[in-house]
Amino acid sequence: MKPSLQVRLSQHLALTPQLQQSIRLLQLSTLELHQEIEQMLESNPFLDTEEDHAPMEFGLERVSAAADTGAEREKSKLSEREDGGDGQAGADEPAGMDTAEFGGTERDDWENGTERDDFDGIRELPSANSASPSGDSDDYEPVDGSDHGPSLQDHLRRQLLGMRLSPEDAAAVMVLIESLDEDGYLADPLDEIAERLAIGMGIAGDGDGDEEARDELKDRLRCALKWLQSLEPTGVGASGLGDCLCLQLKELPKTPARDVAMKVCRSHLELLARRDMKKLVSATGADEDTLREAQALIVACEPKPGRPFTKAEANIVVPDVIVIKAGRGWKATLNPDVMPKLRINDLYAQAIRGQRNGSASGLSARLQEARWFMKNILQRFDTILRVSQAIVERQKGFFTHGEIAMKPLVLREIADELGLHESTISRVTTAKYMNTPFGTFELKYFFGSSLNTDAGGNASSTAVRALIKQLVGSEDPARPLSDSQLSDMLGEQGITVARRTVAKYREALKIAPANLRKTL
């Protein structure tokens, strides 16, 4: 094969490390950003928080000596880490670049070499005020994740200590307590628990002695189950929903309605769920009035006895943006509670400025990395604010009248208005939240497809869902509206929506079908 020379012209996109970091920070949620900042604070000695900075009253000579000592100490630490990542963030700049040579815009004023390198804000950890949609801290208390009540298992163990059981029976009850799920049900059938326990005790063979031992173990577990089901909360240790309801109904005074309720829970819960009155009357032999009383007793029971002991995670959403009234309009502002309070360590930065030799090149790269990290965080919040303000301008009706006044909006409209790419808008609106007069919503909530109207305009799918919710909320419980009827009612208001679309929106709103909404 004869060698030859060829010339090819091609284009490719090269993302610098700084741009890659900017894109990655943009798509992080508030919690993920906090974790990213914590990692950077641990790995980069030049990055500091404002809380960690304490004023030092030294003379000039002592400051200079302290700076030299600190620089030597940090150089020794960095040489020992060998993390392989030094210099990446500053790859586009000279290693010994002076602070005054970096950046030239007003937004990068911390990099002018004379001012303190600050990024002023408030620490990211949520406060009581941020948890309150109205900003009234009197109605909210900080959530302390360490101050939880006892778990369901702990509650049952304490009751077990007060029972006079043999060590074998107490051990069997303890096994069943450990087999409960978070709702208070047995996670596995009793026979499976017995088989696993037999294998662990080495009595899972096929001999006559092993068979007798397994039977004895099953009998002991059945007895232990009765002890467990006698504990509080009532219904714990049930094998299913029907069993759980029956355990609670047994505690009530014996009445015809209670007997009918227990019969329904044992065999006819599906008929009750479908509100099939005729079949319930036929299956139970009770009249309609007694069935209604039985239904009231069943509804009063707790389907998940372990729910009060569940350690609820902190699901409080801290908004990134707060919308406030501004004159006749609305204005989006960044929530200071989610903005990090970062700065460049002056002591180490001054030590690097005084050294121009090659030995400080590694430290200069880390200093440059810290500056780029702060700049990208600032750019992240700036982009979130710009996108949020554009959303507020497009959805003014929502902030005044609620979701019923939502307008159709797609990502491309905001992207074209701000001169950004759709993917950037998608990253900004994912896992970022906005506090409004009607609650806190993800930024994606304000985007929705459009539906045609008889007047020739468009209606937002979000507004249509809100309208469906209103229609269902005002319906007659004895004669709930079907999807076809909802579609016709929307058509009367000039909104063309197919029955299947109504069903899709209803399911998205977690509204049951008409037959399940009907009262007995």
Protein backbone atom coordinates (compact mmCIF):
# COMPACT_ATOMS: atom_id res chain seq x y z
CA MET A 1 0.00 0.00 0.00
CA LYS A 2 1.51 3.32 -1.10
CA PRO A 3 1.69 6.03 1.61
CA SER A 4 0.11 9.40 0.79
CA LEU A 5 -0.63 12.75 2.41
CA GLN A 6 -4.18 14.05 2.78
CA VAL A 7 -5.61 17.31 4.09
CA ARG A 8 -8.97 17.19 5.89
CA LEU A 9 -11.02 20.12 7.17
CA SER A 10 -13.26 19.42 10.18
CA GLN A 11 -14.92 21.20 13.06
CA HIS A 12 -15.18 20.06 16.65
CA LEU A 13 -16.25 21.61 19.91
CA ALA A 14 -13.69 21.71 22.71
CA LEU A 15 -15.03 22.41 26.18
CA THR A 16 -12.53 23.94 28.54
CA PRO A 17 -12.45 22.66 32.13
CA GLN A 18 -13.98 25.95 33.25
CA LEU A 19 -16.92 25.62 30.86
CA GLN A 20 -17.46 22.01 31.86
CA GLN A 21 -17.56 23.03 35.51
CA SER A 22 -19.98 25.87 34.72
CA ILE A 23 -22.38 23.49 32.95
CA ARG A 24 -22.16 20.95 35.75
CA LEU A 25 -22.82 23.52 38.49
CA LEU A 26 -25.78 24.90 36.57
CA GLN A 27 -27.67 21.63 36.62
CA LEU A 28 -27.05 20.88 40.32
CA SER A 29 -29.83 21.28 42.85
CA THR A 30 -29.33 23.36 45.99
CA LEU A 31 -28.42 20.32 48.07
CA GLU A 32 -26.01 19.01 45.43
CA LEU A 33 -24.41 22.45 45.13
CA HIS A 34 -23.88 22.53 48.89
CA GLN A 35 -22.17 19.13 48.71
CA GLU A 36 -20.01 20.32 45.81
CA ILE A 37 -18.94 23.39 47.79
CA GLU A 38 -18.08 21.26 50.82
CA GLN A 39 -15.86 19.04 48.68
CA MET A 40 -14.13 22.05 47.15
CA LEU A 41 -13.55 23.60 50.57
CA GLU A 42 -11.88 20.39 51.71
CA SER A 43 -9.68 20.01 48.63
CA ASN A 44 -8.70 23.61 47.90
CA PRO A 45 -6.91 25.53 50.71
CA PHE A 46 -7.42 28.90 48.99
CA LEU A 47 -11.21 28.69 49.14
CA ASP A 48 -12.75 29.73 52.44
CA THR A 49 -16.11 30.64 53.93
CA GLU A 50 -16.86 34.00 55.45
CA GLU A 51 -17.80 32.34 58.76
CA ASP A 52 -14.37 30.75 59.02
CA HIS A 53 -12.61 34.10 58.61
CA ALA A 54 -11.62 35.77 61.87
CA PRO A 55 -9.97 39.23 61.88
CA MET A 56 -6.32 39.16 62.94
CA GLU A 57 -4.65 42.15 64.56
CA PHE A 58 -1.00 41.64 63.59
CA GLY A 59 1.71 44.07 62.71
CA LEU A 60 3.02 44.10 59.15
CA GLU A 61 6.04 42.02 60.07
CA ARG A 62 3.96 39.32 61.78
CA VAL A 63 1.51 39.21 58.86
CA SER A 64 4.37 38.70 56.42
CA ALA A 65 5.91 35.98 58.57
CA ALA A 66 2.58 34.25 58.99
CA ALA A 67 2.00 34.36 55.24
CA ASP A 68 5.38 32.79 54.52
CA THR A 69 4.81 30.05 57.11
CA GLY A 70 1.29 29.35 55.82
CA ALA A 71 2.49 29.15 52.24
CA GLU A 72 5.25 26.69 53.11
CA ARG A 73 2.79 24.55 55.07
CA GLU A 74 0.28 24.48 52.22
CA LYS A 75 2.97 23.67 49.65
CA SER A 76 4.02 20.66 51.69
CA LYS A 77 0.38 19.52 51.99
CA LEU A 78 -0.28 19.86 48.28
CA SER A 79 2.88 17.97 47.36
CA GLU A 80 1.73 15.04 49.49
CA ARG A 81 -1.77 14.78 48.04
CA GLU A 82 -0.75 13.78 44.48
CA ASP A 83 -4.35 13.99 43.34
CA GLY A 84 -3.45 14.52 39.71
CA GLY A 85 -5.93 17.39 39.33
CA ASP A 86 -3.67 20.41 40.07
CA GLY A 87 -3.51 22.94 37.32
CA GLN A 88 -6.56 21.82 35.38
CA ALA A 89 -8.69 24.77 36.40
CA GLY A 90 -5.94 27.18 35.42
CA ALA A 91 -4.82 25.45 32.25
CA ASP A 92 -5.79 28.42 30.10
CA GLU A 93 -3.73 30.93 32.10
CA PRO A 94 -0.03 31.21 32.93
CA ALA A 95 0.90 29.41 36.11
CA GLY A 96 2.38 32.50 37.79
CA MET A 97 -0.32 34.86 36.62
CA ASP A 98 -0.75 37.96 38.76
CA THR A 99 -4.12 38.60 40.32
CA ALA A 100 -4.56 41.92 38.53
CA GLU A 101 -4.12 40.19 35.15
CA PHE A 102 -7.08 37.85 35.72
CA GLY A 103 -10.49 39.03 34.58
CA GLY A 104 -11.46 42.46 33.46
CA THR A 105 -15.17 42.88 34.02
CA GLU A 106 -17.03 44.59 36.84
CA ARG A 107 -18.53 41.27 37.91
CA ASP A 108 -15.03 39.94 38.52
CA ASP A 109 -14.05 42.81 40.79
CA TRP A 110 -12.74 40.46 43.47
CA GLU A 111 -9.91 39.53 41.11
CA ASN A 112 -8.31 42.97 40.86
CA GLY A 113 -5.54 42.12 43.32
CA THR A 114 -6.41 44.89 45.77
CA GLU A 115 -9.93 44.17 46.92
CA ARG A 116 -10.77 41.26 49.17
CA ASP A 117 -11.80 38.17 47.18
CA ASP A 118 -15.36 37.80 48.38
CA PHE A 119 -18.59 36.28 47.15
CA ASP A 120 -21.09 37.73 49.58
CA GLY A 121 -24.19 35.79 50.39
CA ILE A 122 -25.76 33.79 53.17
CA ARG A 123 -24.80 30.23 53.93
CA GLU A 124 -26.64 27.53 52.03
CA LEU A 125 -28.14 25.72 55.01
CA PRO A 126 -31.91 26.39 55.14
CA SER A 127 -33.33 28.40 57.99
CA ALA A 128 -36.74 28.59 59.54
CA ASN A 129 -37.64 31.59 57.41
CA SER A 130 -36.86 29.76 54.20
CA ALA A 131 -39.17 26.93 55.16
CA SER A 132 -42.07 29.31 55.49
CA PRO A 133 -43.81 30.23 52.23
CA SER A 134 -45.00 33.46 53.77
CA GLY A 135 -41.69 34.30 55.40
CA ASP A 136 -43.25 34.33 58.87
CA SER A 137 -40.82 32.54 61.12
CA ASP A 138 -43.26 32.43 64.04
CA ASP A 139 -45.25 29.60 62.47
CA TYR A 140 -42.24 27.45 61.62
CA GLU A 141 -39.53 25.82 63.64
CA PRO A 142 -36.17 24.54 62.42
CA VAL A 143 -36.16 20.86 61.61
CA ASP A 144 -33.68 18.95 63.70
CA GLY A 145 -33.00 15.63 62.03
CA SER A 146 -31.46 14.21 65.18
CA ASP A 147 -34.56 14.74 67.36
CA HIS A 148 -36.83 11.92 66.18
CA GLY A 149 -39.23 9.92 68.32
CA PRO A 150 -38.84 6.18 68.89
CA SER A 151 -39.26 3.87 65.92
CA LEU A 152 -42.05 1.32 65.71
CA GLN A 153 -39.63 -1.48 66.65
CA ASP A 154 -38.40 0.47 69.70
CA HIS A 155 -41.97 1.14 70.77
CA LEU A 156 -42.83 -2.57 70.55
CA ARG A 157 -39.66 -3.68 72.33
CA ARG A 158 -40.47 -1.45 75.28
CA GLN A 159 -43.90 -3.05 75.58
CA LEU A 160 -42.32 -6.48 75.29
CA LEU A 161 -40.12 -5.77 78.32
CA GLY A 162 -43.24 -5.40 80.46
CA MET A 163 -44.68 -8.78 79.42
CA ARG A 164 -43.96 -11.89 81.47
CA LEU A 165 -42.94 -14.24 78.66
CA SER A 166 -40.49 -17.09 78.64
CA PRO A 167 -37.14 -16.37 77.01
CA GLU A 168 -38.15 -18.54 74.03
CA ASP A 169 -41.47 -16.73 73.48
CA ALA A 170 -39.85 -13.32 73.95
CA ALA A 171 -37.19 -14.24 71.36
CA ALA A 172 -39.91 -15.34 68.92
CA VAL A 173 -41.80 -12.07 69.37
CA MET A 174 -38.53 -10.19 68.84
CA VAL A 175 -37.98 -12.03 65.54
CA LEU A 176 -41.43 -10.94 64.34
CA ILE A 177 -40.81 -7.35 65.45
CA GLU A 178 -37.68 -7.28 63.31
CA SER A 179 -39.70 -8.68 60.38
CA LEU A 180 -42.13 -5.72 60.29
CA ASP A 181 -42.01 -3.17 57.51
CA GLU A 182 -42.36 0.57 58.09
CA ASP A 183 -46.17 0.36 57.84
CA GLY A 184 -46.37 -2.23 60.64
CA TYR A 185 -47.14 -5.24 58.42
CA LEU A 186 -45.22 -8.52 58.37
CA ALA A 187 -42.89 -8.17 55.43
CA ASP A 188 -43.00 -11.94 54.71
CA PRO A 189 -45.49 -14.76 55.38
CA LEU A 190 -45.11 -16.48 58.73
CA ASP A 191 -44.07 -19.79 57.11
CA GLU A 192 -41.20 -18.12 55.24
CA ILE A 193 -39.98 -16.50 58.45
CA ALA A 194 -40.11 -19.88 60.15
CA GLU A 195 -38.15 -21.55 57.32
CA ARG A 196 -35.40 -18.91 57.40
CA LEU A 197 -35.20 -19.16 61.16
CA ALA A 198 -35.00 -22.96 60.97
CA ILE A 199 -32.14 -22.78 58.50
CA GLY A 200 -30.28 -20.39 60.79
CA MET A 201 -30.81 -22.79 63.71
CA GLY A 202 -29.59 -25.78 61.70
CA ILE A 203 -32.90 -27.69 61.82
CA ALA A 204 -33.75 -27.54 58.12
CA GLY A 205 -32.99 -31.22 57.41
CA ASP A 206 -35.42 -33.95 56.35
CA GLY A 207 -35.16 -36.15 59.43
CA ASP A 208 -38.09 -36.89 61.74
CA GLY A 209 -36.47 -34.89 64.54
CA ASP A 210 -35.95 -31.88 62.28
CA GLU A 211 -39.53 -32.04 61.01
CA GLU A 212 -40.84 -32.04 64.56
CA ALA A 213 -38.54 -29.16 65.49
CA ARG A 214 -39.77 -27.11 62.50
CA ASP A 215 -43.40 -27.70 63.44
CA GLU A 216 -42.66 -26.65 67.01
CA LEU A 217 -40.94 -23.52 65.72
CA LYS A 218 -43.94 -22.62 63.55
CA ASP A 219 -46.31 -23.11 66.50
CA ARG A 220 -44.15 -20.88 68.65
CA LEU A 221 -44.13 -18.17 65.98
CA ARG A 222 -47.92 -18.38 65.62
CA CYS A 223 -48.25 -17.91 69.37
CA ALA A 224 -45.73 -15.05 69.23
CA LEU A 225 -47.78 -13.42 66.47
CA LYS A 226 -50.79 -13.30 68.78
CA TRP A 227 -48.66 -11.67 71.46
CA LEU A 228 -47.39 -9.15 68.91
CA GLN A 229 -50.88 -8.31 67.66
CA SER A 230 -51.97 -7.61 71.23
CA LEU A 231 -49.50 -4.71 71.46
CA GLU A 232 -50.06 -1.10 70.55
CA PRO A 233 -50.66 0.24 67.95
CA THR A 234 -53.62 -2.00 67.18
CA GLY A 235 -53.27 -3.69 63.82
CA VAL A 236 -49.51 -4.19 63.96
CA GLY A 237 -48.26 -7.56 62.72
CA ALA A 238 -51.05 -7.98 60.17
CA SER A 239 -50.45 -9.92 56.99
CA GLY A 240 -52.44 -7.51 54.81
CA LEU A 241 -54.87 -4.62 54.75
CA GLY A 242 -57.95 -6.74 55.48
CA ASP A 243 -56.27 -8.42 58.43
CA CYS A 244 -55.09 -5.05 59.78
CA LEU A 245 -58.60 -3.56 59.62
CA CYS A 246 -60.14 -6.63 61.26
CA LEU A 247 -57.70 -6.40 64.18
CA GLN A 248 -58.80 -2.83 64.79
CA LEU A 249 -62.50 -3.57 64.34
CA LYS A 250 -62.28 -6.31 66.98
CA GLU A 251 -61.47 -3.66 69.56
CA LEU A 252 -64.82 -1.90 68.94
CA PRO A 253 -68.08 -2.77 70.72
CA LYS A 254 -70.00 -5.54 69.01
CA THR A 255 -72.75 -4.10 66.81
CA PRO A 256 -74.42 -5.22 63.55
CA ALA A 257 -72.44 -2.57 61.67
CA ARG A 258 -69.15 -3.82 63.16
CA ASP A 259 -69.94 -7.42 62.17
CA VAL A 260 -70.75 -6.32 58.63
CA ALA A 261 -67.56 -4.24 58.51
CA MET A 262 -65.45 -7.25 59.54
CA LYS A 263 -67.15 -9.41 56.90
CA VAL A 264 -66.39 -6.78 54.27
CA CYS A 265 -62.74 -6.49 55.37
CA ARG A 266 -62.26 -10.27 55.28
CA SER A 267 -63.72 -10.96 51.84
CA HIS A 268 -65.18 -7.95 50.04
CA LEU A 269 -62.75 -5.02 50.18
CA GLU A 270 -62.60 -4.90 46.38
CA LEU A 271 -66.37 -4.39 46.18
CA LEU A 272 -66.10 -1.59 48.74
CA ALA A 273 -63.32 0.05 46.75
CA ARG A 274 -65.48 -0.05 43.62
CA ARG A 275 -68.45 1.37 45.54
CA ASP A 276 -70.56 -1.52 44.25
CA MET A 277 -73.53 -1.23 46.60
CA LYS A 278 -75.68 -3.89 44.93
CA LYS A 279 -73.04 -6.61 45.16
CA LEU A 280 -72.18 -5.64 48.73
CA VAL A 281 -75.83 -5.96 49.75
CA SER A 282 -75.98 -9.35 48.07
CA ALA A 283 -72.68 -10.59 49.55
CA THR A 284 -73.24 -9.44 53.13
CA GLY A 285 -77.03 -9.66 53.43
CA ALA A 286 -77.10 -6.24 55.10
CA ASP A 287 -79.23 -3.27 54.13
CA GLU A 288 -77.80 -0.05 52.70
CA ASP A 289 -77.98 1.89 55.97
CA THR A 290 -76.00 -0.78 57.82
CA LEU A 291 -73.44 -0.84 55.00
CA ARG A 292 -72.98 2.91 55.26
CA GLU A 293 -72.37 2.57 59.02
CA ALA A 294 -69.93 -0.25 58.35
CA GLN A 295 -68.12 1.89 55.79
CA ALA A 296 -67.80 4.70 58.37
CA LEU A 297 -66.21 2.26 60.83
CA ILE A 298 -63.74 1.03 58.20
CA VAL A 299 -62.80 4.54 57.13
CA ALA A 300 -62.06 5.43 60.77
CA CYS A 301 -59.42 2.67 61.01
CA GLU A 302 -55.71 3.25 60.41
CA PRO A 303 -54.58 1.32 57.30
CA LYS A 304 -50.90 1.82 58.23
CA PRO A 305 -50.43 1.37 61.99
CA GLY A 306 -46.72 2.11 61.73
CA ARG A 307 -47.23 5.49 60.11
CA PRO A 308 -47.03 7.57 63.35
CA PHE A 309 -43.58 6.09 64.03
CA THR A 310 -42.14 6.64 60.59
CA LYS A 311 -39.17 8.98 60.65
CA ALA A 312 -40.20 11.47 58.03
CA GLU A 313 -37.26 12.82 56.09
CA ALA A 314 -36.78 16.54 55.81
CA ASN A 315 -38.72 17.16 52.60
CA ILE A 316 -38.77 20.92 53.06
CA VAL A 317 -37.99 22.56 49.75
CA VAL A 318 -35.89 25.70 50.05
CA PRO A 319 -36.70 27.95 47.07
CA ASP A 320 -33.87 29.28 44.95
CA VAL A 321 -35.95 32.28 43.85
CA ILE A 322 -38.54 34.37 45.69
CA VAL A 323 -41.14 36.35 43.76
CA ILE A 324 -42.22 39.59 45.41
CA LYS A 325 -44.68 42.32 44.51
CA ALA A 326 -43.00 45.29 42.81
CA GLY A 327 -45.37 48.13 42.07
CA ARG A 328 -48.02 46.81 39.69
CA GLY A 329 -45.91 43.86 38.64
CA TRP A 330 -43.81 41.08 40.10
CA LYS A 331 -40.07 40.73 40.56
CA ALA A 332 -37.88 37.64 40.99
CA THR A 333 -35.10 37.83 43.57
CA LEU A 334 -32.54 35.26 44.64
CA ASN A 335 -33.13 33.64 47.99
CA PRO A 336 -30.15 34.67 50.16
CA ASP A 337 -30.53 31.49 52.22
CA VAL A 338 -29.27 29.34 49.34
CA MET A 339 -26.38 31.57 48.26
CA PRO A 340 -23.00 30.39 49.56
CA LYS A 341 -20.73 32.80 51.36
CA LEU A 342 -17.32 32.14 49.87
CA ARG A 343 -14.05 34.06 49.77
CA ILE A 344 -10.43 33.63 48.80
CA ASN A 345 -8.10 33.14 51.75
CA ASP A 346 -6.21 36.46 51.86
CA LEU A 347 -3.32 35.03 53.81
CA TYR A 348 -2.42 32.38 51.24
CA ALA A 349 -3.24 34.60 48.24
CA GLN A 350 -0.81 37.29 49.45
CA ALA A 351 1.91 34.69 49.92
CA ILE A 352 1.48 33.53 46.30
CA ARG A 353 1.58 37.10 44.96
CA GLY A 354 5.01 37.56 46.51
CA GLN A 355 6.49 34.50 44.84
CA ARG A 356 7.17 34.51 41.09
CA ASN A 357 9.39 31.44 40.84
CA GLY A 358 8.36 28.04 39.51
CA SER A 359 7.98 26.52 42.97
CA ALA A 360 4.67 28.36 43.44
CA SER A 361 3.15 27.30 40.09
CA GLY A 362 1.13 24.48 41.67
CA LEU A 363 -0.27 26.80 44.31
CA SER A 364 -1.08 29.43 41.68
CA ALA A 365 -3.07 26.85 39.78
CA ARG A 366 -5.08 26.02 42.89
CA LEU A 367 -5.68 29.71 43.51
CA GLN A 368 -6.88 30.06 39.93
CA GLU A 369 -9.13 27.02 40.42
CA ALA A 370 -10.73 28.65 43.47
CA ARG A 371 -11.38 31.87 41.54
CA TRP A 372 -12.96 30.00 38.64
CA PHE A 373 -15.17 28.04 41.03
CA MET A 374 -16.48 31.23 42.62
CA LYS A 375 -17.02 32.81 39.22
CA ASN A 376 -19.00 29.81 37.96
CA ILE A 377 -21.19 29.82 41.07
CA LEU A 378 -21.90 33.51 40.55
CA GLN A 379 -22.74 32.83 36.90
CA ARG A 380 -25.05 29.97 37.97
CA PHE A 381 -27.13 32.22 40.22
CA ASP A 382 -27.14 34.99 37.62
CA THR A 383 -28.53 32.61 34.98
CA ILE A 384 -31.17 31.27 37.40
CA LEU A 385 -32.28 34.83 38.16
CA ARG A 386 -32.48 35.81 34.48
CA VAL A 387 -34.54 32.75 33.60
CA SER A 388 -36.80 33.22 36.62
CA GLN A 389 -37.48 36.85 35.78
CA ALA A 390 -38.32 35.90 32.19
CA ILE A 391 -40.78 33.29 33.52
CA VAL A 392 -42.35 35.86 35.83
CA GLU A 393 -42.84 38.26 32.94
CA ARG A 394 -44.52 35.56 30.84
CA GLN A 395 -46.74 34.24 33.66
CA LYS A 396 -47.94 37.46 35.30
CA GLY A 397 -51.49 36.12 35.41
CA PHE A 398 -50.44 33.17 37.56
CA PHE A 399 -48.94 35.34 40.29
CA THR A 400 -52.16 37.38 40.45
CA HIS A 401 -54.92 34.81 39.93
CA GLY A 402 -53.29 31.40 40.40
CA GLU A 403 -52.80 28.38 38.17
CA ILE A 404 -56.13 28.90 36.44
CA ALA A 405 -54.52 31.89 34.67
CA MET A 406 -51.39 30.03 33.53
CA LYS A 407 -50.38 30.63 29.91
CA PRO A 408 -48.77 28.14 27.50
CA LEU A 409 -44.98 28.34 27.63
CA VAL A 410 -42.18 26.24 26.16
CA LEU A 411 -38.44 26.25 26.76
CA ARG A 412 -37.66 27.69 23.34
CA GLU A 413 -39.50 30.94 24.09
CA ILE A 414 -37.33 31.67 27.13
CA ALA A 415 -34.20 30.50 25.29
CA ASP A 416 -34.84 32.87 22.36
CA GLU A 417 -35.60 35.77 24.67
CA LEU A 418 -32.40 35.38 26.70
CA GLY A 419 -30.14 34.23 23.88
CA LEU A 420 -29.45 30.86 25.52
CA HIS A 421 -29.75 27.29 24.34
CA GLU A 422 -32.79 25.19 25.18
CA SER A 423 -30.59 22.70 27.01
CA THR A 424 -29.38 25.52 29.27
CA ILE A 425 -32.96 26.49 30.10
CA SER A 426 -33.71 22.83 30.82
CA ARG A 427 -30.77 22.61 33.24
CA VAL A 428 -31.78 25.84 34.98
CA THR A 429 -35.42 24.79 35.47
CA THR A 430 -34.64 21.29 36.80
CA ALA A 431 -34.56 20.92 40.60
CA LYS A 432 -34.73 24.71 41.07
CA TYR A 433 -37.69 26.10 42.98
CA MET A 434 -39.57 29.39 43.07
CA ASN A 435 -41.55 30.71 46.03
CA THR A 436 -44.78 32.40 44.92
CA PRO A 437 -47.90 33.75 46.68
CA PHE A 438 -49.55 30.39 45.88
CA GLY A 439 -46.76 28.15 47.16
CA THR A 440 -43.35 26.86 46.10
CA PHE A 441 -43.05 25.28 42.65
CA GLU A 442 -40.29 23.86 40.51
CA LEU A 443 -39.40 26.17 37.64
CA LYS A 444 -40.51 23.49 35.19
CA TYR A 445 -44.02 23.84 36.58
CA PHE A 446 -44.46 27.12 34.70
CA PHE A 447 -43.96 25.44 31.33
CA GLY A 448 -46.87 23.68 29.66
CA SER A 449 -48.24 22.74 26.26
CA SER A 450 -51.09 24.62 24.64
CA LEU A 451 -54.64 23.55 23.83
CA ASN A 452 -56.86 25.16 21.21
CA THR A 453 -59.87 27.23 22.16
CA ASP A 454 -62.97 28.17 20.21
CA ALA A 455 -61.90 31.80 20.26
CA GLY A 456 -58.79 30.93 18.26
CA GLY A 457 -56.39 31.31 21.19
CA ASN A 458 -54.49 28.80 23.28
CA ALA A 459 -54.98 27.54 26.82
CA SER A 460 -52.23 26.13 29.00
CA SER A 461 -52.43 22.48 29.96
CA THR A 462 -51.69 23.56 33.55
CA ALA A 463 -54.73 25.86 33.53
CA VAL A 464 -56.87 23.07 32.10
CA ARG A 465 -55.77 20.70 34.87
CA ALA A 466 -56.64 23.37 37.44
CA LEU A 467 -60.06 23.74 35.85
CA ILE A 468 -60.63 19.98 35.96
CA LYS A 469 -59.68 20.00 39.63
CA GLN A 470 -62.23 22.74 40.30
CA LEU A 471 -64.99 20.89 38.44
CA VAL A 472 -64.32 17.66 40.34
CA GLY A 473 -64.17 19.52 43.64
CA SER A 474 -67.65 20.99 43.10
CA GLU A 475 -69.34 17.81 41.81
CA ASP A 476 -72.12 15.91 43.56
CA PRO A 477 -70.48 13.00 45.48
CA ALA A 478 -73.49 10.81 44.74
CA ARG A 479 -73.19 11.52 40.99
CA PRO A 480 -69.51 12.20 40.15
CA LEU A 481 -68.56 13.54 36.75
CA SER A 482 -67.20 11.11 34.18
CA ASP A 483 -64.29 11.96 31.88
CA SER A 484 -66.73 12.44 28.99
CA GLN A 485 -68.81 14.86 31.04
CA LEU A 486 -65.68 16.78 32.05
CA SER A 487 -64.67 16.98 28.39
CA ASP A 488 -68.10 18.35 27.46
CA MET A 489 -68.03 20.91 30.27
CA LEU A 490 -64.62 22.13 29.14
CA GLY A 491 -65.98 22.36 25.61
CA GLU A 492 -68.78 24.58 26.86
CA GLN A 493 -66.11 26.96 28.12
CA GLY A 494 -64.44 26.99 24.71
CA ILE A 495 -61.60 24.58 25.45
CA THR A 496 -61.32 21.61 23.09
CA VAL A 497 -60.09 18.61 25.10
CA ALA A 498 -60.56 14.95 24.18
CA ARG A 499 -61.85 12.47 26.74
CA ARG A 500 -58.53 10.61 26.77
CA THR A 501 -56.70 13.87 27.44
CA VAL A 502 -59.06 14.58 30.34
CA ALA A 503 -58.33 11.10 31.73
CA LYS A 504 -54.58 11.73 31.45
CA TYR A 505 -54.84 15.07 33.26
CA ARG A 506 -57.11 13.54 35.93
CA GLU A 507 -54.59 10.77 36.60
CA ALA A 508 -51.79 13.36 36.79
CA LEU A 509 -53.83 15.15 39.47
CA LYS A 510 -54.23 11.80 41.30
CA ILE A 511 -58.02 12.01 41.05
CA ALA A 512 -59.79 8.66 41.07
CA PRO A 513 -62.22 7.67 38.28
CA ALA A 514 -65.90 8.53 38.65
CA ASN A 515 -66.91 5.06 39.90
CA LEU A 516 -64.35 5.25 42.73
CA ARG A 517 -65.37 8.78 43.72
CA LYS A 518 -68.99 7.81 44.16
CA THR A 519 -70.20 7.58 47.74
CA LEU A 520 -72.28 4.63 48.92
